[in-house]
């Protein structure tokens, strides 16, 4: 009897150990594959966004395969056009920027050192010697050698991009097997809700893409006009750059701001300061006020939810987390509303309850109402 109990205890202990080992291996595998899972999720988001124009072409009696091809060709031609018309100008401006870095640094050091005329020793330390500065800058051949050493890494990243684009294309071209797999992951009684949730997700993702385009246009117009007024060379180029950096949350600020700020140094120090203030102020205004409001209107999500998701996903997953924060918020909201909120009956007193929470001591009386009430009846 004791031997039988010992055998059962040994089997249960062995089962628990194997189960724990399996869980640990699964968690380790998920940890290693998290970047791939996030890329898959991002591919899904792009596929849903691209699916909108594909559907519009299908309504014009164009087969889905051809419709997808047309949309991808339009996207490709857009990037090629940008590269042909804007690329050379950006290249020219960057060449000027690199060539003038020593003079920019010297000018900046002279401006700062002029603030310390009463402290000659400190002024001497701050002021840069142009000859010494040029020697500190890496030579062009050396820089090209360093770039060449990264060629294999760039090739690997290019292959990942090709696979990613192919995945998005297959998702758009042949979505039926994926939809079937999606619905089979739910019990039959919940598949209607799953369909409604996916429809809402599609609406929110398209709203997210629309908000990015709106934000990009606002950024481009504001930057172009301001830089043109300030007399910064290449205002149109930096405006175009500002449009595309809206697709890159937070990091895009440095891409769109640093080159024009350095170019503004060639005008004068005061212009560079004003350009810096403009980009800092506009970025805060766009990121914390305008874009959350735009996204809340196009996606029907409260700005606080979007800002929290951006902060949390950025801390947890870095750059890819920032890209996915807003559409992921829409996905979570869709499933929450369909599978959780709809379980409850409509609360007819919801508006009154919210009013009581907002104004515990009673709602404020509007002036018009007060005046009306005070007017004696005739």
Protein backbone atom coordinates (compact mmCIF):
# COMPACT_ATOMS: atom_id res chain seq x y z
CA UNK A 1 0.00 0.00 0.00
CA UNK A 2 2.82 2.34 0.89
CA UNK A 3 4.61 1.42 -2.36
CA UNK A 4 1.49 2.32 -4.36
CA UNK A 5 1.25 5.73 -2.64
CA UNK A 6 4.94 6.33 -3.31
CA UNK A 7 4.49 5.51 -7.00
CA UNK A 8 1.49 7.87 -7.30
CA UNK A 9 3.39 10.63 -5.51
CA UNK A 10 6.39 10.08 -7.80
CA UNK A 11 4.20 10.22 -10.92
CA UNK A 12 2.47 13.41 -9.76
CA UNK A 13 5.81 15.01 -8.91
CA UNK A 14 7.27 14.02 -12.28
CA UNK A 15 4.15 15.33 -14.05
CA UNK A 16 4.43 18.65 -12.20
CA UNK A 17 8.13 18.96 -13.09
CA UNK A 18 7.50 18.25 -16.78
CA UNK A 19 4.57 20.69 -16.80
CA UNK A 20 6.68 23.41 -15.18
CA UNK A 21 9.51 22.73 -17.67
CA UNK A 22 7.05 22.96 -20.54
CA UNK A 23 5.65 26.26 -19.28
CA UNK A 24 9.17 27.68 -18.86
CA UNK A 25 10.13 26.59 -22.39
CA UNK A 26 6.93 28.08 -23.81
CA UNK A 27 7.53 31.41 -22.04
CA UNK A 28 11.14 31.42 -23.24
CA UNK A 29 9.99 30.74 -26.81
CA UNK A 30 7.42 33.55 -26.62
CA UNK A 31 10.08 35.88 -25.21
CA UNK A 32 12.42 35.06 -28.10
CA UNK A 33 9.66 35.40 -30.68
CA UNK A 34 7.98 38.53 -29.31
CA UNK A 35 9.50 40.72 -32.02
CA UNK A 36 8.21 38.35 -34.72
CA UNK A 37 4.75 38.28 -33.12
CA UNK A 38 4.69 42.09 -33.02
CA UNK A 39 5.73 42.23 -36.69
CA UNK A 40 2.92 39.81 -37.52
CA UNK A 41 0.48 42.05 -35.66
CA UNK A 42 1.81 45.10 -37.52
CA UNK A 43 1.42 43.25 -40.84
CA UNK A 44 -2.19 42.54 -39.89
CA UNK A 45 -2.77 46.23 -39.11
CA UNK A 46 -1.33 47.32 -42.48
CA UNK A 47 -3.32 44.63 -44.30
CA UNK A 48 -6.58 45.89 -42.75
CA UNK A 49 -5.67 49.50 -43.66
CA UNK A 50 -4.84 48.54 -47.28
CA UNK A 51 -7.98 46.40 -47.51
CA UNK A 52 -10.11 49.58 -47.63
CA UNK A 53 -8.97 50.83 -51.06
CA UNK A 54 -8.89 47.23 -52.33
CA UNK A 55 -12.59 46.86 -51.46
CA UNK A 56 -13.34 50.14 -53.25
CA UNK A 57 -11.69 48.76 -56.42
CA UNK A 58 -13.60 45.46 -56.06
CA UNK A 59 -16.84 47.44 -56.09
CA UNK A 60 -15.78 48.65 -59.54
CA UNK A 61 -15.79 45.00 -60.76
CA UNK A 62 -12.01 44.55 -60.46
CA UNK A 63 -10.92 41.14 -59.18
CA UNK A 64 -9.31 41.12 -55.74
CA UNK A 65 -5.91 40.00 -56.99
CA UNK A 66 -5.73 42.78 -59.54
CA UNK A 67 -7.13 45.29 -57.04
CA UNK A 68 -4.41 44.40 -54.55
CA UNK A 69 -1.76 44.68 -57.26
CA UNK A 70 -3.03 48.13 -58.29
CA UNK A 71 -2.98 49.40 -54.68
CA UNK A 72 0.57 48.11 -54.10
CA UNK A 73 1.74 49.62 -57.40
CA UNK A 74 0.26 52.99 -56.38
CA UNK A 75 2.05 52.80 -53.02
CA UNK A 76 5.32 51.84 -54.75
CA UNK A 77 5.00 54.64 -57.31
CA UNK A 78 4.33 57.12 -54.50
CA UNK A 79 7.58 56.15 -52.78
CA UNK A 80 9.49 56.25 -56.09
CA UNK A 81 8.08 59.71 -56.87
CA UNK A 82 9.13 60.93 -53.44
CA UNK A 83 12.58 59.48 -53.98
CA UNK A 84 12.92 61.11 -57.42
CA UNK A 85 11.61 64.57 -56.56
CA UNK A 86 12.41 64.99 -52.88
CA UNK A 87 15.35 62.59 -52.50
CA UNK A 88 17.92 64.65 -54.47
CA UNK A 89 16.97 67.82 -52.59
CA UNK A 90 17.33 66.06 -49.25
CA UNK A 91 20.68 64.67 -50.42
CA UNK A 92 21.84 68.18 -51.41
CA UNK A 93 20.76 69.65 -48.10
CA UNK A 94 22.43 66.86 -46.13
CA UNK A 95 25.64 67.31 -48.17
CA UNK A 96 25.60 71.03 -47.34
CA UNK A 97 24.89 70.17 -43.73
CA UNK A 98 27.84 67.75 -43.45
CA UNK A 99 30.18 70.13 -45.28
CA UNK A 100 29.25 73.02 -42.98
CA UNK A 101 29.29 71.14 -39.66
CA UNK A 102 32.68 72.64 -38.65
CA UNK A 103 31.51 76.18 -39.40
CA UNK A 104 28.21 75.53 -37.58
CA UNK A 105 30.09 74.28 -34.52
CA UNK A 106 32.52 77.20 -34.65
CA UNK A 107 29.69 79.70 -34.97
CA UNK A 108 27.82 78.12 -32.08
CA UNK A 109 30.94 78.12 -29.87
CA UNK A 110 31.61 81.79 -30.67
CA UNK A 111 28.03 82.69 -29.82
CA UNK A 112 28.16 80.82 -26.50
CA UNK A 113 31.63 82.13 -25.64
CA UNK A 114 30.41 85.70 -26.22
CA UNK A 115 28.12 85.22 -23.25
CA UNK A 116 31.15 84.85 -20.95
CA UNK A 117 33.18 87.94 -21.79
CA UNK A 118 33.70 88.56 -18.08
CA UNK A 119 35.30 85.12 -17.69
CA UNK A 120 38.21 84.96 -20.17
CA UNK A 121 39.49 81.57 -19.03
CA UNK A 122 36.09 79.92 -19.44
CA UNK A 123 35.56 81.75 -22.74
CA UNK A 124 38.82 80.32 -24.05
CA UNK A 125 37.78 76.79 -23.12
CA UNK A 126 34.40 77.13 -24.83
CA UNK A 127 35.70 78.62 -28.06
CA UNK A 128 36.61 75.92 -30.61
CA UNK A 129 39.57 75.94 -32.97
CA UNK A 130 38.29 75.19 -36.52
CA UNK A 131 41.49 73.33 -37.49
CA UNK A 132 41.28 71.13 -34.42
CA UNK A 133 37.58 70.50 -35.01
CA UNK A 134 38.16 69.37 -38.60
CA UNK A 135 40.77 66.89 -37.42
CA UNK A 136 38.30 65.42 -34.95
CA UNK A 137 35.70 64.73 -37.67
CA UNK A 138 35.97 61.32 -39.34
CA UNK A 139 37.27 61.30 -42.91
CA UNK A 140 34.94 60.37 -45.75
CA UNK A 141 36.88 57.19 -46.72
CA UNK A 142 36.83 56.01 -43.13
CA UNK A 143 33.11 56.69 -42.90
CA UNK A 144 32.50 54.76 -46.14
CA UNK A 145 34.47 51.81 -44.75
CA UNK A 146 32.27 51.82 -41.64
CA UNK A 147 29.15 51.96 -43.81
CA UNK A 148 30.47 49.07 -45.90
CA UNK A 149 30.97 46.93 -42.81
CA UNK A 150 27.24 47.27 -42.13
CA UNK A 151 26.25 46.02 -45.58
CA UNK A 152 25.54 42.45 -44.43
CA UNK A 153 23.34 43.69 -41.61
CA UNK A 154 21.48 45.97 -44.03
CA UNK A 155 21.01 43.05 -46.44
CA UNK A 156 19.52 40.94 -43.65
CA UNK A 157 17.13 43.75 -42.71
CA UNK A 158 16.19 44.14 -46.39
CA UNK A 159 15.25 40.46 -46.56
CA UNK A 160 13.07 40.89 -43.47
CA UNK A 161 11.35 43.86 -45.13
CA UNK A 162 10.72 41.82 -48.31
CA UNK A 163 9.23 38.95 -46.29
CA UNK A 164 7.12 41.45 -44.31
CA UNK A 165 5.74 43.10 -47.47
CA UNK A 166 5.01 39.68 -48.97
CA UNK A 167 3.12 38.70 -45.83
CA UNK A 168 0.98 41.84 -46.01
CA UNK A 169 0.31 41.23 -49.71
CA UNK A 170 -0.83 37.63 -49.10
CA UNK A 171 -3.06 38.77 -46.22
CA UNK A 172 -4.82 41.25 -48.50
CA UNK A 173 -4.93 39.06 -51.62
CA UNK A 174 -6.21 35.87 -49.98
CA UNK A 175 -7.88 36.70 -46.65
CA UNK A 176 -10.56 33.96 -46.59
CA UNK A 177 -8.38 31.19 -45.03
CA UNK A 178 -7.20 33.66 -42.37
CA UNK A 179 -10.79 34.69 -41.59
CA UNK A 180 -11.75 31.03 -41.33
CA UNK A 181 -8.86 30.39 -38.93
CA UNK A 182 -9.91 33.45 -36.92
CA UNK A 183 -13.54 32.35 -36.61
CA UNK A 184 -12.58 28.74 -35.76
CA UNK A 185 -10.74 30.05 -32.70
CA UNK A 186 -14.15 31.00 -31.21
CA UNK A 187 -16.99 28.66 -30.22
CA UNK A 188 -19.88 28.69 -32.74
CA UNK A 189 -22.16 30.64 -30.38
CA UNK A 190 -19.65 33.51 -30.20
CA UNK A 191 -18.72 33.77 -33.87
CA UNK A 192 -21.32 36.46 -34.58
CA UNK A 193 -19.73 38.62 -31.88
CA UNK A 194 -16.27 37.84 -33.26
CA UNK A 195 -17.43 39.04 -36.69
CA UNK A 196 -18.80 42.28 -35.22
CA UNK A 197 -15.56 42.83 -33.27
CA UNK A 198 -13.45 42.41 -36.41
CA UNK A 199 -15.67 44.86 -38.30
CA UNK A 200 -15.11 47.43 -35.56
CA UNK A 201 -11.37 46.76 -35.64
CA UNK A 202 -11.32 47.46 -39.39
CA UNK A 203 -13.13 50.75 -38.82
CA UNK A 204 -10.68 51.82 -36.10
CA UNK A 205 -7.54 50.86 -38.04
CA UNK A 206 -8.72 52.83 -41.07
CA UNK A 207 -9.43 55.73 -38.75
CA UNK A 208 -5.90 55.39 -37.36
CA UNK A 209 -4.41 55.57 -40.86
CA UNK A 210 -6.59 58.59 -41.67
CA UNK A 211 -5.41 60.33 -38.49
CA UNK A 212 -1.77 59.76 -39.47
CA UNK A 213 -2.36 61.33 -42.89
CA UNK A 214 -4.13 64.31 -41.28
CA UNK A 215 -1.30 64.74 -38.75
CA UNK A 216 1.32 64.43 -41.48
CA UNK A 217 -0.35 67.15 -43.57
CA UNK A 218 -0.58 69.48 -40.55
CA UNK A 219 3.10 68.87 -39.74
CA UNK A 220 4.21 69.42 -43.34
CA UNK A 221 2.24 72.63 -43.86
CA UNK A 222 3.26 74.14 -40.50
CA UNK A 223 6.95 73.28 -40.93
CA UNK A 224 7.10 74.52 -44.54
CA UNK A 225 5.43 77.85 -43.76
CA UNK A 226 7.47 78.51 -40.61
CA UNK A 227 10.83 77.60 -42.17
CA UNK A 228 10.01 79.65 -45.26
CA UNK A 229 9.20 82.69 -43.12
CA UNK A 230 12.40 82.20 -41.12
CA UNK A 231 14.44 82.01 -44.32
CA UNK A 232 15.76 78.47 -43.72
CA UNK A 233 17.01 76.86 -46.98
CA UNK A 234 15.06 73.83 -48.22
CA UNK A 235 11.82 74.61 -46.38
CA UNK A 236 9.80 72.43 -48.80
CA UNK A 237 12.17 69.49 -48.28
CA UNK A 238 11.95 69.66 -44.49
CA UNK A 239 8.17 69.99 -44.73
CA UNK A 240 7.99 66.79 -46.80
CA UNK A 241 10.23 65.08 -44.26
CA UNK A 242 7.90 66.22 -41.46
CA UNK A 243 4.95 64.59 -43.26
CA UNK A 244 6.53 61.14 -43.34
CA UNK A 245 7.91 61.23 -39.82
CA UNK A 246 4.33 61.25 -38.51
CA UNK A 247 4.40 57.51 -39.28
CA UNK A 248 7.25 57.13 -36.77
CA UNK A 249 6.06 58.09 -33.26
CA UNK A 250 8.49 60.02 -31.05
CA UNK A 251 11.63 58.95 -32.95
CA UNK A 252 10.32 60.85 -35.96
CA UNK A 253 10.78 64.09 -34.02
CA UNK A 254 14.57 63.80 -34.13
CA UNK A 255 14.54 62.86 -37.82
CA UNK A 256 12.45 65.89 -38.82
CA UNK A 257 13.93 68.43 -36.37
CA UNK A 258 17.71 67.98 -36.23
CA UNK A 259 18.58 68.62 -39.95
CA UNK A 260 16.62 71.90 -40.30
CA UNK A 261 17.93 73.12 -36.93
CA UNK A 262 21.50 72.57 -38.10
CA UNK A 263 20.74 74.19 -41.45
CA UNK A 264 19.24 77.17 -39.58
CA UNK A 265 22.64 77.69 -37.95
CA UNK A 266 23.93 78.72 -41.37
CA UNK A 267 21.47 81.64 -41.26
CA UNK A 268 22.23 82.77 -37.71
CA UNK A 269 22.05 81.60 -34.13
CA UNK A 270 18.77 83.36 -33.40
CA UNK A 271 17.05 81.58 -36.31
CA UNK A 272 18.34 78.23 -35.07
CA UNK A 273 16.94 78.93 -31.60
CA UNK A 274 13.53 79.87 -33.02
CA UNK A 275 13.48 76.76 -35.22
CA UNK A 276 14.33 74.60 -32.19
CA UNK A 277 11.54 76.20 -30.17
CA UNK A 278 9.12 75.69 -33.06
CA UNK A 279 9.87 71.96 -33.39
CA UNK A 280 9.75 71.35 -29.62
CA UNK A 281 6.46 73.24 -29.25
CA UNK A 282 4.83 71.74 -32.34
CA UNK A 283 5.85 68.21 -31.36
CA UNK A 284 4.36 68.56 -27.88
CA UNK A 285 1.24 70.19 -29.29
CA UNK A 286 0.77 67.49 -31.94
CA UNK A 287 1.67 64.49 -29.76
CA UNK A 288 -0.22 65.43 -26.60
CA UNK A 289 -3.17 67.51 -27.81
CA UNK A 290 -3.95 67.54 -31.55
CA UNK A 291 -3.21 63.91 -32.56
CA UNK A 292 -4.99 62.27 -29.58
CA UNK A 293 -8.03 64.43 -30.40
CA UNK A 294 -7.85 63.57 -34.11
CA UNK A 295 -7.50 59.85 -33.34
CA UNK A 296 -10.36 59.98 -30.84
CA UNK A 297 -12.59 61.44 -33.57
CA UNK A 298 -11.52 59.03 -36.33
CA UNK A 299 -11.28 55.93 -34.10
CA UNK A 300 -13.85 56.84 -31.43
CA UNK A 301 -11.33 56.29 -28.62
CA UNK A 302 -10.75 58.63 -25.68
CA UNK A 303 -7.38 60.48 -25.89
CA UNK A 304 -6.37 59.25 -22.40
CA UNK A 305 -6.58 55.63 -23.58
CA UNK A 306 -4.36 56.40 -26.59
CA UNK A 307 -1.75 58.29 -24.55
CA UNK A 308 -1.61 55.50 -21.95
CA UNK A 309 -1.22 52.84 -24.65
CA UNK A 310 1.58 54.79 -26.36
CA UNK A 311 3.42 55.20 -23.06
CA UNK A 312 2.97 51.58 -21.97
CA UNK A 313 3.80 49.97 -25.33
CA UNK A 314 6.79 52.26 -25.82
CA UNK A 315 8.23 51.29 -22.43
CA UNK A 316 7.51 47.58 -22.95
CA UNK A 317 8.49 47.03 -26.60
CA UNK A 318 10.34 50.14 -27.78
CA UNK A 319 9.94 51.37 -31.35
CA UNK A 320 7.63 48.60 -32.62
CA UNK A 321 5.51 49.11 -29.50
CA UNK A 322 5.08 52.79 -30.35
CA UNK A 323 3.95 51.87 -33.87
CA UNK A 324 1.37 49.37 -32.61
CA UNK A 325 0.09 51.26 -29.56
CA UNK A 326 -2.81 53.09 -31.21
CA UNK A 327 -4.18 50.27 -33.42
CA UNK A 328 -3.78 47.81 -30.54
CA UNK A 329 -5.89 50.13 -28.38
CA UNK A 330 -8.59 49.96 -31.05
CA UNK A 331 -8.42 46.15 -31.13
CA UNK A 332 -8.74 45.89 -27.34
CA UNK A 333 -11.64 48.38 -27.33
CA UNK A 334 -13.52 46.42 -30.02
CA UNK A 335 -13.32 43.11 -28.15
CA UNK A 336 -14.09 44.78 -24.82
CA UNK A 337 -17.26 46.37 -26.18
CA UNK A 338 -18.51 43.29 -28.02
CA UNK A 339 -17.65 40.52 -25.54
CA UNK A 340 -17.91 42.37 -22.21
CA UNK A 341 -20.02 45.53 -22.34
CA UNK A 342 -22.77 43.88 -24.43
CA UNK A 343 -23.29 41.27 -21.70
CA UNK A 344 -25.09 43.87 -19.61
CA UNK A 345 -28.48 45.44 -20.20
CA UNK A 346 -28.62 49.09 -21.26
CA UNK A 347 -28.48 51.38 -18.24
CA UNK A 348 -31.12 54.05 -18.79
CA UNK A 349 -29.74 56.07 -15.88
CA UNK A 350 -26.13 56.01 -17.17
CA UNK A 351 -26.15 59.69 -18.18
CA UNK A 352 -27.55 60.72 -14.80
CA UNK A 353 -24.97 58.63 -12.93
CA UNK A 354 -22.13 60.23 -14.96
CA UNK A 355 -23.60 63.67 -14.22
CA UNK A 356 -23.63 62.89 -10.49
CA UNK A 357 -20.00 61.72 -10.61
CA UNK A 358 -18.89 64.84 -12.49
CA UNK A 359 -20.77 67.24 -10.18
CA UNK A 360 -21.13 65.70 -6.68
CA UNK A 361 -22.56 68.96 -5.31
CA UNK A 362 -24.97 69.49 -8.17
CA UNK A 363 -24.48 70.60 -11.76
CA UNK A 364 -23.65 74.30 -12.32
CA UNK A 365 -26.55 76.44 -13.47
CA UNK A 366 -26.05 78.03 -16.89
CA UNK A 367 -26.24 81.82 -17.00
CA UNK A 368 -28.92 81.80 -19.71
CA UNK A 369 -31.07 79.53 -17.55
CA UNK A 370 -30.51 81.67 -14.49
CA UNK A 371 -31.48 84.86 -16.35
CA UNK A 372 -34.55 83.20 -17.81
CA UNK A 373 -35.67 81.99 -14.39
CA UNK A 374 -35.11 85.44 -12.88
CA UNK A 375 -37.16 87.25 -15.54
CA UNK A 376 -40.67 87.99 -14.17
CA UNK A 377 -43.53 86.63 -16.19
CA UNK A 378 -45.79 89.13 -17.88
